[in-house]
Amino acid sequence: MRAPNHYADYGLARHAERRVDEGWLDAQFDNSACVLPVWRSRAFVRSVEEPRVVCFEPAEVGAFLNQRRDAVFLGVKEGTPHFAFDLSHVEDPEARAPFVRRGIFVDLRSVGTLLPPDEGGLLAYAKGILHWHERHRFCGNCGQPTESREAGHLRVCSDHSCGVSHFPRTDPAVIMLIGRGDRAVLGRKSEWPDGMYSALAGFVEPGESLEEAVAREVKEEVAIEVANIRYHSSQPWPFPASLMLGFYADALSDEIAFDPDELEDARWFTRAELEAGGAGLVRRARSDSIARRLIDDWVHGR
């Protein structure tokens, strides 16, 4: 790999072995820590035009936390402990100290391509794990409230007769560039920007291997059988909770028949067309996406 995919490998030591050590966690949550606020799944950045992570000291945001345990421990980066906490219960936090005039809460997808990869990874991690907390406040087994444990990386049912443990969830999805000679097939969804085509993708089903998921999704979306399925790389994609697993595969036929319920269009593109943006491809996949990485690496023979 030339470099990690966006939102991945951002230099954070997670220290999973210390998540049960409350004394150690308390010591990390001092004014040398960087606390990242998330509001209704939106990240806080300095500005839309020049998005950068804004770190807050624990003392600055203490009024929004009932206790330290309300903050999720993310890990340590370059000697600085990083925590995240959810502000969703607060109305208009940008108008309140300490957030006023310090930045703005934005949809991470809207600024992801402008963020340095390491900062994008941190914000994506914070967004993803807090989204999980929001969706798992109640036990899926008995319906009783759950409680955060292990520095925010576990929720346990509060009903001792149940006591089920719930761990952060990630949904595996395969994304694949299907080639045949000097051409590759891309699809587009109707909700995407005009002229944008991308690699085919879909979620892995229970009891299915990744290779089986690749073959099934390609067959379902464009009616092409594939062979020589090979792994490329992976990318966390917390929009809201996916892990994208990238593959290449070889098409065994040329004819495309796409399902209009799945895709608005699908077609073959040559390497030259993908590099130049021709043949109706006027907008490429997002530069922070593994789809773009798959396409670019294929185009340039990497």
Protein backbone atom coordinates (compact mmCIF):
# COMPACT_ATOMS: atom_id res chain seq x y z
CA MET A 1 0.00 0.00 0.00
CA ARG A 2 1.31 3.46 -0.91
CA ALA A 3 -0.48 4.99 2.05
CA PRO A 4 -3.39 4.14 4.37
CA ASN A 5 -6.93 4.76 3.22
CA HIS A 6 -8.62 7.89 4.53
CA TYR A 7 -10.07 7.50 8.06
CA ALA A 8 -7.63 4.65 8.78
CA ASP A 9 -4.23 4.31 10.47
CA TYR A 10 -4.16 7.73 12.11
CA GLY A 11 -1.53 7.05 14.76
CA LEU A 12 -3.76 6.43 17.78
CA ALA A 13 -2.76 3.96 20.50
CA ARG A 14 -6.12 2.67 21.74
CA HIS A 15 -4.80 1.09 24.97
CA ALA A 16 -7.67 -1.39 25.11
CA GLU A 17 -5.99 -3.12 28.06
CA ARG A 18 -6.42 0.04 30.19
CA ARG A 19 -10.13 0.59 29.57
CA VAL A 20 -11.07 -1.14 32.84
CA ASP A 21 -8.51 0.81 34.87
CA GLU A 22 -10.59 3.68 36.23
CA GLY A 23 -7.67 5.24 38.09
CA TRP A 24 -5.57 5.36 34.94
CA LEU A 25 -8.47 6.77 32.92
CA ASP A 26 -9.09 9.46 35.54
CA ALA A 27 -5.43 10.44 35.31
CA GLN A 28 -5.69 10.74 31.52
CA PHE A 29 -8.71 13.01 31.79
CA ASP A 30 -6.80 16.07 32.88
CA ASN A 31 -6.13 19.36 31.14
CA SER A 32 -3.55 17.78 28.85
CA ALA A 33 -6.33 15.71 27.26
CA CYS A 34 -8.04 16.55 23.96
CA VAL A 35 -11.81 16.25 24.22
CA LEU A 36 -13.79 16.08 20.97
CA PRO A 37 -17.48 17.06 21.04
CA VAL A 38 -20.02 15.47 18.71
CA TRP A 39 -23.47 17.00 18.29
CA ARG A 40 -26.21 14.94 16.61
CA SER A 41 -23.60 13.01 14.62
CA ARG A 42 -21.84 16.24 13.60
CA ALA A 43 -18.15 16.85 14.20
CA PHE A 44 -16.76 20.14 15.48
CA VAL A 45 -14.17 21.77 13.20
CA ARG A 46 -12.51 25.16 13.03
CA SER A 47 -14.33 26.17 9.82
CA VAL A 48 -15.93 24.67 6.75
CA GLU A 49 -13.39 26.30 4.45
CA GLU A 50 -10.39 25.06 6.44
CA PRO A 51 -11.64 22.23 8.65
CA ARG A 52 -9.32 21.20 11.44
CA VAL A 53 -9.82 19.37 14.71
CA VAL A 54 -10.56 21.63 17.68
CA CYS A 55 -9.42 20.18 21.00
CA PHE A 56 -11.15 21.20 24.22
CA GLU A 57 -9.74 20.76 27.70
CA PRO A 58 -11.81 18.69 30.14
CA ALA A 59 -12.33 21.77 32.33
CA GLU A 60 -13.87 23.65 29.41
CA VAL A 61 -16.55 21.05 28.73
CA GLY A 62 -17.07 19.76 32.27
CA ALA A 63 -20.47 21.50 32.55
CA PHE A 64 -21.80 19.23 29.79
CA LEU A 65 -20.66 16.01 31.49
CA ASN A 66 -22.29 14.50 34.55
CA GLN A 67 -19.09 12.55 35.17
CA ARG A 68 -15.87 11.60 33.42
CA ARG A 69 -17.42 8.30 32.44
CA ASP A 70 -19.77 10.14 30.09
CA ALA A 71 -16.75 10.70 27.85
CA VAL A 72 -15.51 7.86 25.64
CA PHE A 73 -11.77 7.19 25.76
CA LEU A 74 -10.48 6.99 22.20
CA GLY A 75 -6.77 6.51 22.86
CA VAL A 76 -3.47 8.35 23.02
CA LYS A 77 -1.95 10.15 20.05
CA GLU A 78 1.54 11.63 20.28
CA GLY A 79 1.33 11.58 24.07
CA THR A 80 -2.06 13.29 24.24
CA PRO A 81 -5.08 11.36 25.57
CA HIS A 82 -8.15 11.79 23.36
CA PHE A 83 -11.77 11.54 24.52
CA ALA A 84 -15.11 12.14 22.80
CA PHE A 85 -18.49 13.06 24.22
CA ASP A 86 -22.02 13.53 22.91
CA LEU A 87 -23.67 16.96 23.03
CA SER A 88 -26.90 15.95 21.33
CA HIS A 89 -29.01 16.89 24.33
CA VAL A 90 -27.91 20.55 24.04
CA GLU A 91 -29.78 22.99 21.83
CA ASP A 92 -27.63 25.29 19.68
CA PRO A 93 -24.28 24.50 21.33
CA GLU A 94 -22.40 26.80 18.93
CA ALA A 95 -23.93 29.74 20.77
CA ARG A 96 -22.64 28.56 24.15
CA ALA A 97 -19.23 28.65 25.77
CA PRO A 98 -16.74 27.19 25.05
CA PHE A 99 -17.91 26.54 21.48
CA VAL A 100 -18.97 30.03 20.48
CA ARG A 101 -16.61 31.53 17.90
CA ARG A 102 -14.34 28.45 18.13
CA GLY A 103 -15.77 26.59 15.14
CA ILE A 104 -18.83 24.86 13.74
CA PHE A 105 -20.57 21.48 13.92
CA VAL A 106 -20.68 19.91 10.45
CA ASP A 107 -21.55 16.65 8.74
CA LEU A 108 -18.16 14.98 8.50
CA ARG A 109 -18.90 13.84 4.95
CA SER A 110 -19.13 17.47 3.85
CA VAL A 111 -15.55 18.27 4.92
CA GLY A 112 -13.90 14.84 4.91
CA THR A 113 -11.98 15.43 1.69
CA LEU A 114 -10.50 18.65 3.11
CA LEU A 115 -9.34 17.25 6.44
CA PRO A 116 -5.82 15.91 7.00
CA PRO A 117 -6.22 12.11 7.04
CA ASP A 118 -5.16 11.75 10.68
CA GLU A 119 -7.68 14.35 11.85
CA GLY A 120 -10.40 12.86 9.68
CA GLY A 121 -9.74 9.47 11.24
CA LEU A 122 -10.05 10.81 14.78
CA LEU A 123 -13.32 12.60 14.03
CA ALA A 124 -14.71 9.55 12.23
CA TYR A 125 -13.83 7.33 15.19
CA ALA A 126 -15.53 9.73 17.61
CA LYS A 127 -18.62 10.00 15.43
CA GLY A 128 -18.87 6.25 14.91
CA ILE A 129 -18.62 5.16 18.53
CA LEU A 130 -20.97 7.87 19.80
CA HIS A 131 -23.51 6.90 17.13
CA TRP A 132 -23.35 3.36 18.52
CA HIS A 133 -23.97 4.63 22.05
CA GLU A 134 -26.99 6.63 20.90
CA ARG A 135 -28.50 3.57 19.20
CA HIS A 136 -27.86 1.18 22.09
CA ARG A 137 -29.21 3.03 25.12
CA PHE A 138 -31.61 0.14 25.69
CA CYS A 139 -30.94 -3.58 25.77
CA GLY A 140 -31.99 -5.42 22.65
CA ASN A 141 -32.61 -8.53 24.74
CA CYS A 142 -34.97 -7.23 27.44
CA GLY A 143 -35.54 -3.53 26.69
CA GLN A 144 -34.06 -2.18 29.92
CA PRO A 145 -31.56 0.74 29.91
CA THR A 146 -27.92 -0.06 29.30
CA GLU A 147 -24.90 1.46 31.06
CA SER A 148 -21.58 2.50 29.54
CA ARG A 149 -18.56 0.52 30.72
CA GLU A 150 -14.89 0.04 29.80
CA ALA A 151 -14.28 3.66 28.88
CA GLY A 152 -17.23 3.67 26.50
CA HIS A 153 -16.39 0.49 24.59
CA LEU A 154 -19.05 -1.68 26.20
CA ARG A 155 -22.67 -1.24 27.26
CA VAL A 156 -24.19 -3.60 29.81
CA CYS A 157 -27.86 -4.15 30.53
CA SER A 158 -28.79 -2.55 33.86
CA ASP A 159 -31.18 -5.39 34.70
CA HIS A 160 -29.02 -7.86 36.62
CA SER A 161 -31.32 -10.74 35.72
CA CYS A 162 -30.39 -10.05 32.08
CA GLY A 163 -26.92 -8.47 32.20
CA VAL A 164 -26.25 -8.81 28.47
CA SER A 165 -23.09 -7.11 27.20
CA HIS A 166 -23.31 -5.05 24.01
CA PHE A 167 -20.15 -4.21 22.08
CA PRO A 168 -19.65 -1.51 19.42
CA ARG A 169 -21.08 -2.65 16.12
CA THR A 170 -19.48 -2.44 12.70
CA ASP A 171 -21.29 -3.56 9.57
CA PRO A 172 -18.98 -5.27 7.04
CA ALA A 173 -19.55 -4.25 3.43
CA VAL A 174 -17.67 -5.34 0.31
CA ILE A 175 -16.74 -2.84 -2.38
CA MET A 176 -15.23 -4.10 -5.60
CA LEU A 177 -13.86 -2.95 -8.92
CA ILE A 178 -14.69 -5.48 -11.60
CA GLY A 179 -12.36 -5.49 -14.59
CA ARG A 180 -12.12 -7.21 -17.95
CA GLY A 181 -9.05 -6.43 -19.99
CA ASP A 182 -8.63 -2.66 -20.19
CA ARG A 183 -12.12 -1.88 -18.90
CA ALA A 184 -13.88 -1.77 -15.55
CA VAL A 185 -17.58 -1.60 -14.72
CA LEU A 186 -18.97 1.18 -12.53
CA GLY A 187 -22.49 1.95 -11.40
CA ARG A 188 -24.38 5.00 -10.21
CA LYS A 189 -27.29 5.53 -7.87
CA SER A 190 -30.01 8.07 -8.60
CA GLU A 191 -29.33 10.02 -5.40
CA TRP A 192 -25.69 10.66 -6.30
CA PRO A 193 -24.46 13.91 -7.88
CA ASP A 194 -24.94 14.12 -11.65
CA GLY A 195 -22.30 12.23 -13.59
CA MET A 196 -20.87 10.36 -10.60
CA TYR A 197 -20.10 6.65 -11.02
CA SER A 198 -18.39 4.43 -8.50
CA ALA A 199 -17.41 0.88 -7.65
CA LEU A 200 -20.11 -1.65 -6.85
CA ALA A 201 -20.73 -2.36 -3.17
CA GLY A 202 -23.05 -4.10 -0.74
CA PHE A 203 -23.34 -5.46 2.78
CA VAL A 204 -22.15 -8.92 3.78
CA GLU A 205 -25.00 -11.22 4.76
CA PRO A 206 -25.00 -13.61 7.75
CA GLY A 207 -23.22 -16.88 7.04
CA GLU A 208 -21.48 -15.47 3.96
CA SER A 209 -17.77 -15.19 3.24
CA LEU A 210 -16.37 -11.97 1.83
CA GLU A 211 -15.66 -13.67 -1.50
CA GLU A 212 -19.20 -14.97 -1.68
CA ALA A 213 -20.51 -11.48 -0.92
CA VAL A 214 -18.44 -10.00 -3.77
CA ALA A 215 -19.74 -12.55 -6.27
CA ARG A 216 -23.34 -12.23 -5.11
CA GLU A 217 -23.44 -8.43 -5.11
CA VAL A 218 -21.92 -8.19 -8.61
CA LYS A 219 -24.38 -10.78 -9.91
CA GLU A 220 -27.32 -8.96 -8.30
CA GLU A 221 -26.33 -5.48 -9.45
CA VAL A 222 -25.00 -6.01 -12.98
CA ALA A 223 -25.66 -9.73 -13.76
CA ILE A 224 -21.98 -10.53 -14.27
CA GLU A 225 -20.19 -13.64 -13.01
CA VAL A 226 -16.71 -13.02 -11.58
CA ALA A 227 -13.51 -14.94 -10.92
CA ASN A 228 -10.09 -14.30 -9.37
CA ILE A 229 -11.48 -12.32 -6.43
CA ARG A 230 -8.61 -10.67 -4.58
CA TYR A 231 -8.36 -8.40 -1.57
CA HIS A 232 -7.06 -4.83 -1.87
CA SER A 233 -7.52 -3.03 1.47
CA SER A 234 -10.12 -1.91 4.00
CA GLN A 235 -11.50 1.40 5.25
CA PRO A 236 -13.59 2.36 8.27
CA TRP A 237 -16.61 4.28 6.98
CA PRO A 238 -18.64 5.50 9.96
CA PHE A 239 -21.56 6.83 7.91
CA PRO A 240 -23.00 5.49 10.09
CA ALA A 241 -21.16 2.26 10.99
CA SER A 242 -19.55 0.39 8.10
CA LEU A 243 -16.21 -1.28 7.47
CA MET A 244 -15.55 -1.25 3.73
CA LEU A 245 -13.57 -4.26 2.47
CA GLY A 246 -12.11 -3.57 -0.95
CA PHE A 247 -11.60 -6.17 -3.68
CA TYR A 248 -10.74 -6.58 -7.32
CA ALA A 249 -12.27 -9.32 -9.46
CA ASP A 250 -12.32 -10.36 -13.11
CA ALA A 251 -15.55 -10.28 -15.10
CA LEU A 252 -16.36 -13.43 -17.09
CA SER A 253 -18.65 -11.62 -19.55
CA ASP A 254 -19.25 -8.19 -21.07
CA GLU A 255 -23.02 -7.84 -21.01
CA ILE A 256 -24.48 -5.70 -18.22
CA ALA A 257 -28.06 -6.01 -16.97
CA PHE A 258 -28.61 -3.81 -13.92
CA ASP A 259 -31.49 -3.82 -11.49
CA PRO A 260 -33.18 -0.35 -11.59
CA ASP A 261 -34.12 -0.78 -7.94
CA GLU A 262 -30.39 -1.00 -7.15
CA LEU A 263 -28.79 1.27 -9.76
CA GLU A 264 -29.78 4.07 -12.08
CA ASP A 265 -27.07 3.09 -14.55
CA ALA A 266 -24.02 0.85 -14.97
CA ARG A 267 -21.47 0.82 -17.76
CA TRP A 268 -17.95 -0.10 -18.79
CA PHE A 269 -15.17 2.49 -18.68
CA THR A 270 -11.67 2.20 -20.10
CA ARG A 271 -8.62 3.14 -18.08
CA ALA A 272 -8.18 6.25 -20.21
CA GLU A 273 -11.79 7.29 -19.65
CA LEU A 274 -11.53 6.84 -15.91
CA GLU A 275 -8.33 8.82 -15.77
CA ALA A 276 -9.70 11.63 -17.94
CA GLY A 277 -13.28 11.63 -16.69
CA GLY A 278 -14.76 10.88 -20.11
CA ALA A 279 -17.68 8.85 -21.47
CA GLY A 280 -20.23 10.49 -19.18
CA LEU A 281 -18.05 10.26 -16.06
CA VAL A 282 -18.03 13.90 -15.05
CA ARG A 283 -17.65 13.34 -11.32
CA ARG A 284 -15.41 10.74 -9.73
CA ALA A 285 -15.97 8.90 -6.47
CA ARG A 286 -15.10 10.96 -3.39
CA SER A 287 -11.36 11.38 -2.92
CA ASP A 288 -11.61 10.20 0.71
CA SER A 289 -13.33 6.94 -0.25
CA ILE A 290 -11.89 3.48 -0.83
CA ALA A 291 -13.87 3.44 -4.08
CA ARG A 292 -11.63 6.20 -5.42
CA ARG A 293 -8.56 4.34 -4.17
CA LEU A 294 -9.63 1.14 -5.95
CA ILE A 295 -10.24 3.00 -9.19
CA ASP A 296 -7.06 5.08 -9.08
CA ASP A 297 -4.86 2.10 -8.24
CA TRP A 298 -6.40 0.09 -11.08
CA VAL A 299 -6.04 2.94 -13.57
CA HIS A 300 -2.35 3.34 -12.74
CA GLY A 301 -1.60 -0.37 -12.50
CA ARG A 302 -0.84 -0.33 -8.78
